[in-house]
C-alpha atoms as a PDB file:
ATOM      1  CA  MET A   1     -67.939 213.440 197.871  1.00  0.00           C
ATOM      2  CA  LEU A   2     -66.050 217.205 198.518  1.00  0.00           C
ATOM      3  CA  LEU A   3     -66.562 219.508 194.965  1.00  0.00           C
ATOM      4  CA  ASP A   4     -64.861 222.309 193.936  1.00  0.00           C
ATOM      5  CA  ASN A   5     -66.590 225.135 191.929  1.00  0.00           C
ATOM      6  CA  HIS A   6     -65.846 223.202 188.697  1.00  0.00           C
ATOM      7  CA  GLY A   7     -67.444 220.248 189.544  1.00  0.00           C
ATOM      8  CA  ARG A   8     -63.972 218.335 190.293  1.00  0.00           C
ATOM      9  CA  PRO A   9     -64.206 216.255 193.012  1.00  0.00           C
ATOM     10  CA  ILE A  10     -61.479 216.514 196.080  1.00  0.00           C
ATOM     11  CA  ASN A  11     -60.273 213.539 198.069  1.00  0.00           C
ATOM     12  CA  TYR A  12     -56.421 213.854 198.117  1.00  0.00           C
ATOM     13  CA  LEU A  13     -54.476 215.930 201.091  1.00  0.00           C
ATOM     14  CA  ARG A  14     -50.730 216.648 200.516  1.00  0.00           C
ATOM     15  CA  LEU A  15     -49.841 217.203 204.102  1.00  0.00           C
ATOM     16  CA  ALA A  16     -46.265 219.256 204.404  1.00  0.00           C
ATOM     17  CA  VAL A  17     -45.045 218.855 208.067  1.00  0.00           C
ATOM     18  CA  THR A  18     -42.174 220.710 208.046  1.00  0.00           C
ATOM     19  CA  ASP A  19     -40.196 223.260 205.533  1.00  0.00           C
ATOM     20  CA  ARG A  20     -36.811 222.470 206.722  1.00  0.00           C
ATOM     21  CA  CYS A  21     -34.575 219.699 204.956  1.00  0.00           C
ATOM     22  CA  ASN A  22     -31.241 218.111 205.006  1.00  0.00           C
ATOM     23  CA  LEU A  23     -30.382 218.583 200.970  1.00  0.00           C
ATOM     24  CA  ARG A  24     -29.794 222.362 199.498  1.00  0.00           C
ATOM     25  CA  CYS A  25     -31.350 221.102 195.787  1.00  0.00           C
ATOM     26  CA  PHE A  26     -31.223 224.255 193.989  1.00  0.00           C
ATOM     27  CA  TYR A  27     -34.364 224.203 191.995  1.00  0.00           C
ATOM     28  CA  CYS A  28     -35.977 223.875 195.689  1.00  0.00           C
ATOM     29  CA  MET A  29     -34.288 226.078 198.287  1.00  0.00           C
ATOM     30  CA  PRO A  30     -31.087 228.993 198.011  1.00  0.00           C
ATOM     31  CA  GLU A  31     -27.780 227.114 198.576  1.00  0.00           C
ATOM     32  CA  HIS A  32     -28.098 228.877 201.969  1.00  0.00           C
ATOM     33  CA  GLY A  33     -31.570 227.304 203.428  1.00  0.00           C
ATOM     34  CA  LEU A  34     -34.690 229.387 204.023  1.00  0.00           C
ATOM     35  CA  ASP A  35     -35.646 231.412 206.993  1.00  0.00           C
ATOM     36  CA  TRP A  36     -36.868 228.573 208.337  1.00  0.00           C
ATOM     37  CA  LEU A  37     -40.088 228.654 210.655  1.00  0.00           C
ATOM     38  CA  SER A  38     -40.302 228.807 214.158  1.00  0.00           C
ATOM     39  CA  ARG A  39     -41.796 225.630 216.581  1.00  0.00           C
ATOM     40  CA  ALA A  40     -44.395 228.261 217.480  1.00  0.00           C
ATOM     41  CA  GLU A  41     -45.267 228.871 213.652  1.00  0.00           C
ATOM     42  CA  LEU A  42     -45.528 225.357 212.572  1.00  0.00           C
ATOM     43  CA  MET A  43     -48.748 222.848 212.779  1.00  0.00           C
ATOM     44  CA  SER A  44     -48.203 220.574 216.327  1.00  0.00           C
ATOM     45  CA  TYR A  45     -48.810 217.139 215.448  1.00  0.00           C
ATOM     46  CA  GLU A  46     -52.208 217.503 217.213  1.00  0.00           C
ATOM     47  CA  GLU A  47     -53.481 220.143 214.934  1.00  0.00           C
ATOM     48  CA  MET A  48     -52.647 218.021 211.811  1.00  0.00           C
ATOM     49  CA  LEU A  49     -54.410 214.889 213.105  1.00  0.00           C
ATOM     50  CA  ARG A  50     -57.724 216.911 213.801  1.00  0.00           C
ATOM     51  CA  THR A  51     -57.124 218.653 210.136  1.00  0.00           C
ATOM     52  CA  CYS A  52     -57.047 215.447 208.375  1.00  0.00           C
ATOM     53  CA  ARG A  53     -60.027 213.952 210.708  1.00  0.00           C
ATOM     54  CA  VAL A  54     -62.366 217.117 209.435  1.00  0.00           C
ATOM     55  CA  MET A  55     -61.010 216.758 206.615  1.00  0.00           C
ATOM     56  CA  MET A  56     -61.551 212.845 205.946  1.00  0.00           C
ATOM     57  CA  GLY A  57     -65.057 213.551 207.343  1.00  0.00           C
ATOM     58  CA  MET A  58     -65.755 215.503 204.156  1.00  0.00           C
ATOM     59  CA  GLY A  59     -64.440 213.207 201.499  1.00  0.00           C
ATOM     60  CA  ILE A  60     -60.740 213.214 201.828  1.00  0.00           C
ATOM     61  CA  ASN A  61     -59.388 209.299 201.524  1.00  0.00           C
ATOM     62  CA  LYS A  62     -55.649 209.830 200.653  1.00  0.00           C
ATOM     63  CA  ILE A  63     -53.083 211.535 202.422  1.00  0.00           C
ATOM     64  CA  ARG A  64     -49.686 211.993 201.346  1.00  0.00           C
ATOM     65  CA  ILE A  65     -46.999 213.203 203.940  1.00  0.00           C
ATOM     66  CA  THR A  66     -44.418 216.037 202.400  1.00  0.00           C
ATOM     67  CA  GLY A  67     -41.826 218.304 203.592  1.00  0.00           C
ATOM     68  CA  GLY A  68     -39.251 219.565 203.337  1.00  0.00           C
ATOM     69  CA  GLU A  69     -38.057 216.602 204.546  1.00  0.00           C
ATOM     70  CA  PRO A  70     -40.198 214.683 206.644  1.00  0.00           C
ATOM     71  CA  PHE A  71     -38.045 212.647 208.809  1.00  0.00           C
ATOM     72  CA  VAL A  72     -36.466 215.965 209.885  1.00  0.00           C
ATOM     73  CA  ARG A  73     -39.216 216.779 211.988  1.00  0.00           C
ATOM     74  CA  LYS A  74     -39.187 214.675 215.452  1.00  0.00           C
ATOM     75  CA  ASP A  75     -41.287 211.530 216.106  1.00  0.00           C
ATOM     76  CA  ILE A  76     -42.646 211.942 212.336  1.00  0.00           C
ATOM     77  CA  MET A  77     -44.062 208.118 212.524  1.00  0.00           C
ATOM     78  CA  LYS A  78     -45.950 208.735 215.645  1.00  0.00           C
ATOM     79  CA  LEU A  79     -47.906 211.173 213.454  1.00  0.00           C
ATOM     80  CA  MET A  80     -48.310 208.920 210.704  1.00  0.00           C
ATOM     81  CA  THR A  81     -49.331 205.992 212.951  1.00  0.00           C
ATOM     82  CA  ALA A  82     -51.934 208.421 214.226  1.00  0.00           C
ATOM     83  CA  ILE A  83     -52.779 209.127 211.209  1.00  0.00           C
ATOM     84  CA  SER A  84     -53.456 205.524 209.617  1.00  0.00           C
ATOM     85  CA  ASN A  85     -55.446 204.416 212.548  1.00  0.00           C
ATOM     86  CA  LEU A  86     -58.092 207.477 211.190  1.00  0.00           C
ATOM     87  CA  GLN A  87     -61.275 205.903 209.971  1.00  0.00           C
ATOM     88  CA  GLY A  88     -62.007 206.424 206.295  1.00  0.00           C
ATOM     89  CA  LEU A  89     -58.554 206.341 204.934  1.00  0.00           C
ATOM     90  CA  ASN A  90     -58.194 204.178 201.986  1.00  0.00           C
ATOM     91  CA  GLU A  91     -54.128 205.455 200.991  1.00  0.00           C
ATOM     92  CA  LEU A  92     -51.453 206.823 203.584  1.00  0.00           C
ATOM     93  CA  THR A  93     -48.312 207.558 201.291  1.00  0.00           C
ATOM     94  CA  LEU A  94     -45.015 209.419 201.628  1.00  0.00           C
ATOM     95  CA  THR A  95     -42.457 211.601 200.196  1.00  0.00           C
ATOM     96  CA  THR A  96     -39.268 211.444 200.847  1.00  0.00           C
ATOM     97  CA  ASN A  97     -35.557 212.480 199.964  1.00  0.00           C
ATOM     98  CA  GLY A  98     -34.271 209.056 201.731  1.00  0.00           C
ATOM     99  CA  VAL A  99     -31.312 210.103 203.464  1.00  0.00           C
ATOM    100  CA  LEU A 100     -33.037 209.399 206.813  1.00  0.00           C
ATOM    101  CA  THR A 101     -35.838 207.076 205.661  1.00  0.00           C
ATOM    102  CA  ALA A 102     -34.580 203.507 205.268  1.00  0.00           C
ATOM    103  CA  PRO A 103     -34.241 202.570 209.267  1.00  0.00           C
ATOM    104  CA  TYR A 104     -38.077 203.261 209.170  1.00  0.00           C
ATOM    105  CA  VAL A 105     -39.281 201.182 206.136  1.00  0.00           C
ATOM    106  CA  ALA A 106     -40.492 198.352 208.578  1.00  0.00           C
ATOM    107  CA  ASP A 107     -42.622 200.770 210.427  1.00  0.00           C
ATOM    108  CA  LEU A 108     -44.222 201.954 207.555  1.00  0.00           C
ATOM    109  CA  LYS A 109     -44.797 198.991 205.898  1.00  0.00           C
ATOM    110  CA  LYS A 110     -46.638 198.062 209.183  1.00  0.00           C
ATOM    111  CA  ILE A 111     -48.817 200.937 209.484  1.00  0.00           C
ATOM    112  CA  GLY A 112     -50.216 200.375 205.863  1.00  0.00           C
ATOM    113  CA  VAL A 113     -47.896 202.314 203.572  1.00  0.00           C
ATOM    114  CA  ARG A 114     -47.615 200.977 200.063  1.00  0.00           C
ATOM    115  CA  SER A 115     -46.133 203.271 197.798  1.00  0.00           C
ATOM    116  CA  VAL A 116     -43.443 206.284 198.455  1.00  0.00           C
ATOM    117  CA  ASN A 117     -41.940 208.491 195.935  1.00  0.00           C
ATOM    118  CA  LEU A 118     -38.379 208.723 196.400  1.00  0.00           C
ATOM    119  CA  SER A 119     -36.746 212.401 195.326  1.00  0.00           C
ATOM    120  CA  LEU A 120     -33.972 210.850 193.304  1.00  0.00           C
ATOM    121  CA  ASP A 121     -32.309 213.627 190.528  1.00  0.00           C
ATOM    122  CA  THR A 122     -29.519 210.974 189.281  1.00  0.00           C
ATOM    123  CA  LEU A 123     -27.574 208.234 189.255  1.00  0.00           C
ATOM    124  CA  ASP A 124     -24.292 209.187 189.578  1.00  0.00           C
ATOM    125  CA  ALA A 125     -22.744 210.284 193.029  1.00  0.00           C
ATOM    126  CA  ALA A 126     -20.578 213.459 191.840  1.00  0.00           C
ATOM    127  CA  ARG A 127     -23.628 214.637 189.990  1.00  0.00           C
ATOM    128  CA  PHE A 128     -25.999 214.127 192.939  1.00  0.00           C
ATOM    129  CA  PHE A 129     -23.785 216.007 195.289  1.00  0.00           C
ATOM    130  CA  ALA A 130     -23.266 219.239 192.567  1.00  0.00           C
ATOM    131  CA  ILE A 131     -27.549 219.086 192.756  1.00  0.00           C
ATOM    132  CA  THR A 132     -27.619 219.016 196.496  1.00  0.00           C
ATOM    133  CA  LEU A 133     -24.649 220.113 198.253  1.00  0.00           C
ATOM    134  CA  ARG A 134     -24.847 216.915 200.373  1.00  0.00           C
ATOM    135  CA  ASP A 135     -23.298 213.630 200.231  1.00  0.00           C
ATOM    136  CA  GLU A 136     -25.637 211.678 200.702  1.00  0.00           C
ATOM    137  CA  PHE A 137     -26.147 209.205 197.283  1.00  0.00           C
ATOM    138  CA  ALA A 138     -25.538 206.183 199.142  1.00  0.00           C
ATOM    139  CA  SER A 139     -27.761 206.782 201.829  1.00  0.00           C
ATOM    140  CA  VAL A 140     -30.756 207.474 199.009  1.00  0.00           C
ATOM    141  CA  MET A 141     -30.354 204.235 197.016  1.00  0.00           C
ATOM    142  CA  HIS A 142     -29.678 201.883 200.867  1.00  0.00           C
ATOM    143  CA  THR A 143     -33.546 203.323 201.232  1.00  0.00           C
ATOM    144  CA  MET A 144     -34.697 202.406 197.641  1.00  0.00           C
ATOM    145  CA  GLN A 145     -33.121 198.966 198.491  1.00  0.00           C
ATOM    146  CA  GLU A 146     -34.918 198.683 201.562  1.00  0.00           C
ATOM    147  CA  LEU A 147     -38.255 199.910 200.421  1.00  0.00           C
ATOM    148  CA  LEU A 148     -37.829 197.394 197.540  1.00  0.00           C
ATOM    149  CA  LYS A 149     -37.171 194.217 199.843  1.00  0.00           C
ATOM    150  CA  HIS A 150     -39.795 195.365 202.030  1.00  0.00           C
ATOM    151  CA  GLY A 151     -42.480 195.266 199.006  1.00  0.00           C
ATOM    152  CA  ILE A 152     -43.461 199.265 199.038  1.00  0.00           C
ATOM    153  CA  GLU A 153     -43.928 200.375 195.449  1.00  0.00           C
ATOM    154  CA  VAL A 154     -41.232 202.759 194.648  1.00  0.00           C
ATOM    155  CA  LYS A 155     -41.767 205.866 192.335  1.00  0.00           C
ATOM    156  CA  ILE A 156     -38.595 207.771 191.887  1.00  0.00           C
ATOM    157  CA  ASN A 157     -39.202 211.961 191.028  1.00  0.00           C
ATOM    158  CA  THR A 158     -36.601 213.131 188.981  1.00  0.00           C
ATOM    159  CA  VAL A 159     -36.590 216.740 188.599  1.00  0.00           C
ATOM    160  CA  VAL A 160     -35.041 217.685 184.624  1.00  0.00           C
ATOM    161  CA  MET A 161     -33.314 220.374 184.647  1.00  0.00           C
ATOM    162  CA  ALA A 162     -30.890 221.422 181.886  1.00  0.00           C
ATOM    163  CA  GLY A 163     -27.250 221.604 182.435  1.00  0.00           C
ATOM    164  CA  LYS A 164     -27.807 219.753 185.177  1.00  0.00           C
ATOM    165  CA  ASN A 165     -28.883 216.515 185.032  1.00  0.00           C
ATOM    166  CA  THR A 166     -30.308 215.732 181.343  1.00  0.00           C
ATOM    167  CA  GLN A 167     -27.793 213.062 180.549  1.00  0.00           C
ATOM    168  CA  ASP A 168     -29.396 210.716 183.520  1.00  0.00           C
ATOM    169  CA  ILE A 169     -32.800 210.781 182.191  1.00  0.00           C
ATOM    170  CA  ILE A 170     -31.807 207.531 179.875  1.00  0.00           C
ATOM    171  CA  PRO A 171     -29.631 206.027 182.778  1.00  0.00           C
ATOM    172  CA  LEU A 172     -32.662 206.209 185.090  1.00  0.00           C
ATOM    173  CA  VAL A 173     -34.780 204.409 182.317  1.00  0.00           C
ATOM    174  CA  ASN A 174     -32.124 201.926 182.051  1.00  0.00           C
ATOM    175  CA  LEU A 175     -33.137 201.680 185.981  1.00  0.00           C
ATOM    176  CA  THR A 176     -36.435 199.978 184.984  1.00  0.00           C
ATOM    177  CA  LYS A 177     -35.615 197.347 183.116  1.00  0.00           C
ATOM    178  CA  GLU A 178     -33.937 194.908 186.515  1.00  0.00           C
ATOM    179  CA  LEU A 179     -35.752 197.005 188.835  1.00  0.00           C
ATOM    180  CA  PRO A 180     -39.903 197.112 189.315  1.00  0.00           C
ATOM    181  CA  VAL A 181     -39.691 200.732 189.819  1.00  0.00           C
ATOM    182  CA  SER A 182     -41.418 204.043 188.554  1.00  0.00           C
ATOM    183  CA  VAL A 183     -39.351 207.286 187.173  1.00  0.00           C
ATOM    184  CA  ARG A 184     -41.155 210.021 186.931  1.00  0.00           C
ATOM    185  CA  PHE A 185     -39.241 212.944 185.006  1.00  0.00           C
ATOM    186  CA  ILE A 186     -41.085 216.325 186.255  1.00  0.00           C
ATOM    187  CA  GLU A 187     -40.607 219.383 184.733  1.00  0.00           C
ATOM    188  CA  GLU A 188     -39.150 222.127 186.877  1.00  0.00           C
ATOM    189  CA  MET A 189     -41.168 224.379 188.331  1.00  0.00           C
ATOM    190  CA  PRO A 190     -40.650 228.103 189.300  1.00  0.00           C
ATOM    191  CA  PHE A 191     -40.567 227.642 193.395  1.00  0.00           C
ATOM    192  CA  ASN A 192     -36.605 227.821 194.412  1.00  0.00           C
ATOM    193  CA  GLY A 193     -37.434 230.962 196.717  1.00  0.00           C
ATOM    194  CA  ASP A 194     -35.648 233.008 194.404  1.00  0.00           C
ATOM    195  CA  GLY A 195     -32.586 231.149 194.689  1.00  0.00           C
ATOM    196  CA  HIS A 196     -31.394 231.339 190.971  1.00  0.00           C
ATOM    197  CA  ALA A 197     -32.753 232.107 187.924  1.00  0.00           C
ATOM    198  CA  TYR A 198     -35.745 229.877 187.158  1.00  0.00           C
ATOM    199  CA  SER A 199     -34.624 228.063 183.413  1.00  0.00           C
ATOM    200  CA  GLY A 200     -38.231 227.854 181.734  1.00  0.00           C
ATOM    201  CA  MET A 201     -39.428 224.996 179.814  1.00  0.00           C
ATOM    202  CA  THR A 202     -36.153 224.032 178.040  1.00  0.00           C
ATOM    203  CA  TRP A 203     -36.977 220.695 178.848  1.00  0.00           C
ATOM    204  CA  ASP A 204     -40.743 220.523 178.887  1.00  0.00           C
ATOM    205  CA  TYR A 205     -43.363 217.283 178.630  1.00  0.00           C
ATOM    206  CA  VAL A 206     -42.791 217.289 175.202  1.00  0.00           C
ATOM    207  CA  LYS A 207     -38.834 217.006 175.080  1.00  0.00           C
ATOM    208  CA  ILE A 208     -37.890 214.660 177.747  1.00  0.00           C
ATOM    209  CA  PHE A 209     -40.427 212.461 175.890  1.00  0.00           C
ATOM    210  CA  GLU A 210     -38.715 212.170 172.727  1.00  0.00           C
ATOM    211  CA  GLU A 211     -34.793 212.590 174.583  1.00  0.00           C
ATOM    212  CA  ILE A 212     -36.470 208.883 175.615  1.00  0.00           C
ATOM    213  CA  ARG A 213     -37.930 207.810 172.525  1.00  0.00           C
ATOM    214  CA  SER A 214     -34.622 208.285 170.818  1.00  0.00           C
ATOM    215  CA  VAL A 215     -33.029 205.617 172.705  1.00  0.00           C
ATOM    216  CA  PHE A 216     -36.168 203.715 173.005  1.00  0.00           C
ATOM    217  CA  PRO A 217     -38.198 203.617 170.066  1.00  0.00           C
ATOM    218  CA  ASP A 218     -40.309 200.332 170.943  1.00  0.00           C
ATOM    219  CA  ILE A 219     -41.713 202.991 174.050  1.00  0.00           C
ATOM    220  CA  GLN A 220     -45.387 202.281 174.586  1.00  0.00           C
ATOM    221  CA  LYS A 221     -48.320 204.457 176.256  1.00  0.00           C
ATOM    222  CA  THR A 222     -50.013 202.405 178.931  1.00  0.00           C
ATOM    223  CA  PRO A 223     -53.530 203.860 180.355  1.00  0.00           C
ATOM    224  CA  ASP A 224     -52.992 206.801 182.950  1.00  0.00           C
ATOM    225  CA  PRO A 225     -55.026 206.402 185.834  1.00  0.00           C
ATOM    226  CA  THR A 226     -57.728 208.796 187.060  1.00  0.00           C
ATOM    227  CA  TYR A 227     -56.543 212.011 188.494  1.00  0.00           C
ATOM    228  CA  SER A 228     -52.856 211.306 187.446  1.00  0.00           C
ATOM    229  CA  THR A 229     -50.549 213.517 186.891  1.00  0.00           C
ATOM    230  CA  SER A 230     -48.252 211.913 184.746  1.00  0.00           C
ATOM    231  CA  TYR A 231     -48.185 210.388 180.891  1.00  0.00           C
ATOM    232  CA  ASN A 232     -47.085 206.613 181.509  1.00  0.00           C
ATOM    233  CA  TYR A 233     -45.209 204.300 179.564  1.00  0.00           C
ATOM    234  CA  ASN A 234     -43.333 201.298 179.575  1.00  0.00           C
ATOM    235  CA  MET A 235     -40.794 199.558 177.599  1.00  0.00           C
ATOM    236  CA  PRO A 236     -41.413 195.863 176.344  1.00  0.00           C
ATOM    237  CA  GLY A 237     -39.007 193.485 178.832  1.00  0.00           C
ATOM    238  CA  HIS A 238     -38.474 196.341 181.854  1.00  0.00           C
ATOM    239  CA  LYS A 239     -39.784 195.131 185.121  1.00  0.00           C
ATOM    240  CA  GLY A 240     -40.528 199.022 185.931  1.00  0.00           C
ATOM    241  CA  SER A 241     -42.342 201.694 184.263  1.00  0.00           C
ATOM    242  CA  ILE A 242     -41.643 205.590 183.349  1.00  0.00           C
ATOM    243  CA  GLY A 243     -43.778 208.558 183.788  1.00  0.00           C
ATOM    244  CA  ILE A 244     -43.867 212.342 182.537  1.00  0.00           C
ATOM    245  CA  ILE A 245     -44.900 214.810 184.855  1.00  0.00           C
ATOM    246  CA  ALA A 246     -45.878 218.135 182.974  1.00  0.00           C
ATOM    247  CA  ALA A 247     -45.988 220.159 186.404  1.00  0.00           C
ATOM    248  CA  TYR A 248     -45.204 223.419 184.776  1.00  0.00           C
ATOM    249  CA  SER A 249     -47.369 222.937 181.578  1.00  0.00           C
ATOM    250  CA  ARG A 250     -50.277 222.157 183.744  1.00  0.00           C
ATOM    251  CA  THR A 251     -51.807 219.858 181.530  1.00  0.00           C
ATOM    252  CA  PHE A 252     -53.953 217.692 184.247  1.00  0.00           C
ATOM    253  CA  CYS A 253     -55.352 220.784 185.972  1.00  0.00           C
ATOM    254  CA  GLY A 254     -58.841 219.804 184.733  1.00  0.00           C
ATOM    255  CA  THR A 255     -58.559 216.565 186.828  1.00  0.00           C
ATOM    256  CA  CYS A 256     -56.972 217.915 189.872  1.00  0.00           C
ATOM    257  CA  ASN A 257     -58.077 216.218 193.013  1.00  0.00           C
ATOM    258  CA  ARG A 258     -55.540 217.402 195.687  1.00  0.00           C
ATOM    259  CA  ILE A 259     -55.596 219.978 197.954  1.00  0.00           C
ATOM    260  CA  ARG A 260     -52.206 221.122 199.541  1.00  0.00           C
ATOM    261  CA  ILE A 261     -51.116 222.328 203.656  1.00  0.00           C
ATOM    262  CA  THR A 262     -48.042 223.734 204.570  1.00  0.00           C
ATOM    263  CA  PRO A 263     -46.282 223.469 207.153  1.00  0.00           C
ATOM    264  CA  GLN A 264     -47.638 226.693 208.934  1.00  0.00           C
ATOM    265  CA  GLY A 265     -51.242 225.501 208.594  1.00  0.00           C
ATOM    266  CA  THR A 266     -51.964 227.301 205.197  1.00  0.00           C
ATOM    267  CA  LEU A 267     -54.064 225.798 202.871  1.00  0.00           C
ATOM    268  CA  LYS A 268     -53.456 225.669 199.001  1.00  0.00           C
ATOM    269  CA  THR A 269     -56.441 224.571 196.490  1.00  0.00           C
ATOM    270  CA  CYS A 270     -53.610 224.861 193.570  1.00  0.00           C
ATOM    271  CA  LEU A 271     -49.956 224.442 193.747  1.00  0.00           C
ATOM    272  CA  TYR A 272     -49.412 228.097 191.852  1.00  0.00           C
ATOM    273  CA  ASP A 273     -51.376 230.143 194.491  1.00  0.00           C
ATOM    274  CA  ASP A 274     -50.356 231.769 197.569  1.00  0.00           C
ATOM    275  CA  GLY A 275     -52.734 229.816 200.063  1.00  0.00           C
ATOM    276  CA  VAL A 276     -56.628 230.828 200.410  1.00  0.00           C
ATOM    277  CA  LEU A 277     -57.029 229.965 203.990  1.00  0.00           C
ATOM    278  CA  ASN A 278     -55.107 229.388 207.293  1.00  0.00           C
ATOM    279  CA  ILE A 279     -56.581 226.197 209.235  1.00  0.00           C
ATOM    280  CA  LYS A 280     -54.084 226.638 211.835  1.00  0.00           C
ATOM    281  CA  ASP A 281     -54.851 229.995 213.095  1.00  0.00           C
ATOM    282  CA  LEU A 282     -58.343 228.772 212.639  1.00  0.00           C
ATOM    283  CA  MET A 283     -57.929 226.357 215.083  1.00  0.00           C
ATOM    284  CA  ARG A 284     -55.940 228.932 217.526  1.00  0.00           C
ATOM    285  CA  SER A 285     -58.642 231.015 217.294  1.00  0.00           C
ATOM    286  CA  GLY A 286     -61.243 228.383 219.193  1.00  0.00           C
ATOM    287  CA  ALA A 287     -62.870 227.295 215.686  1.00  0.00           C
ATOM    288  CA  ASP A 288     -64.708 224.195 216.684  1.00  0.00           C
ATOM    289  CA  ASP A 289     -64.935 221.323 213.342  1.00  0.00           C
ATOM    290  CA  THR A 290     -68.387 222.707 211.878  1.00  0.00           C
ATOM    291  CA  VAL A 291     -66.358 226.385 211.794  1.00  0.00           C
ATOM    292  CA  LEU A 292     -63.472 224.294 210.419  1.00  0.00           C
ATOM    293  CA  GLN A 293     -65.650 222.326 207.717  1.00  0.00           C
ATOM    294  CA  GLY A 294     -67.190 225.870 206.763  1.00  0.00           C
ATOM    295  CA  GLY A 295     -63.571 227.848 205.897  1.00  0.00           C
ATOM    296  CA  LEU A 296     -62.394 224.741 203.611  1.00  0.00           C
ATOM    297  CA  LEU A 297     -66.222 224.434 201.776  1.00  0.00           C
ATOM    298  CA  LYS A 298     -65.808 228.573 201.462  1.00  0.00           C
ATOM    299  CA  ALA A 299     -62.536 227.691 199.984  1.00  0.00           C
ATOM    300  CA  MET A 300     -63.253 225.111 197.645  1.00  0.00           C
ATOM    301  CA  SER A 301     -66.215 226.955 196.474  1.00  0.00           C
ATOM    302  CA  ASN A 302     -63.559 229.589 195.227  1.00  0.00           C
ATOM    303  CA  ARG A 303     -60.848 227.850 193.566  1.00  0.00           C
ATOM    304  CA  GLU A 304     -59.068 228.765 190.650  1.00  0.00           C
ATOM    305  CA  LYS A 305     -60.200 226.957 187.041  1.00  0.00           C
ATOM    306  CA  ASP A 306     -56.495 226.015 186.847  1.00  0.00           C
ATOM    307  CA  GLY A 307     -52.673 226.443 187.971  1.00  0.00           C
ATOM    308  CA  TRP A 308     -52.473 229.684 184.735  1.00  0.00           C
ATOM    309  CA  MET A 309     -55.455 231.660 186.582  1.00  0.00           C
ATOM    310  CA  ALA A 310     -53.917 230.621 190.159  1.00  0.00           C
ATOM    311  CA  GLU A 311     -50.643 231.794 189.150  1.00  0.00           C
ATOM    312  CA  LEU A 312     -51.839 234.605 187.452  1.00  0.00           C
ATOM    313  CA  LYS A 313     -53.679 235.940 190.878  1.00  0.00           C
ATOM    314  CA  SER A 314     -50.664 235.159 193.143  1.00  0.00           C
ATOM    315  CA  MET A 315     -48.543 237.285 191.049  1.00  0.00           C
ATOM    316  CA  GLN A 316     -50.481 239.929 191.517  1.00  0.00           C
ATOM    317  CA  LYS A 317     -49.404 240.360 195.323  1.00  0.00           C
ATOM    318  CA  PRO A 318     -46.194 241.672 196.118  1.00  0.00           C
ATOM    319  CA  GLY A 319     -43.385 239.404 197.758  1.00  0.00           C
ATOM    320  CA  LYS A 320     -40.897 236.718 196.621  1.00  0.00           C
ATOM    321  CA  ARG A 321     -41.934 233.647 194.978  1.00  0.00           C
ATOM    322  CA  GLU A 322     -42.073 230.400 197.802  1.00  0.00           C
ATOM    323  CA  SER A 323     -39.808 227.730 197.805  1.00  0.00           C
ATOM    324  CA  MET A 324     -41.034 224.354 197.425  1.00  0.00           C
ATOM    325  CA  ALA A 325     -39.425 223.179 200.540  1.00  0.00           C
ATOM    326  CA  SER A 326     -42.543 225.413 201.981  1.00  0.00           C
ATOM    327  CA  ILE A 327     -45.497 224.428 199.875  1.00  0.00           C
ATOM    328  CA  GLY A 328     -45.060 221.068 200.391  1.00  0.00           C
ATOM    329  CA  GLY A 329     -43.864 219.508 197.491  1.00  0.00           C
END
């Protein structure tokens, strides 16, 4: 088992395959997009597969494919299929905005993907366009229907934003009445690539819960799974459930079991750090697997205690904030 310097087991890798996205959600990146990475700057699929294999030999057994939007990158299913065949993998999951995903749902089921996180911040088509600057609401809803039809668990990720979609909280909870989906309401985070002024803690996890309880007073707390980032609840008679993720409040750091790799191969041991090791550069310098393992172990032995400490250390360095698209969700 891979442990960090605080004794926390690390078994979950979030692998971002691209920084590019076909939506322009204002909380994730500037309206004009980003300075996209060139092909040479991205990790190749071969490098990603090697990284996964090495990490799985060290205790990683769950991998989530993220972006950007994973399906923007060509032949993403080839990579996912190869990863699904690696020995020791217990779970392969995916986070997607659903715009391009529907045609691949049957293939996802075939390679063993049992759960997909679907980014959806509103159930109103007009507000969807206002948030994303793209007219793709119908495509996302079609993907959700396809996922449910194929028996893949759907977790809807909703970023709660003051003045943008707080009126969607209750309709999204209502969605769980007839559909077996889990809607997770997420505190907004300061990772928009300096595209807009961060709204801060206007809607924290406590306020989100109180908004839901005002309409659903019989809301019931359910047990939170080990390493859960969400506080989980259900409403009597509903087929689905809800969760609230204190992403900015960072109440779950003490049990964090995940690490991230950005599209350019930077290892992040915390969402809020600025990167602690470039795996791609190590590989391209000729490092063998033993050297890679040594670099990973050193990074794990210097992991910050929580997101507040990681952010403080990161803020001491010059440069603008990262975009969530370049971090990997």
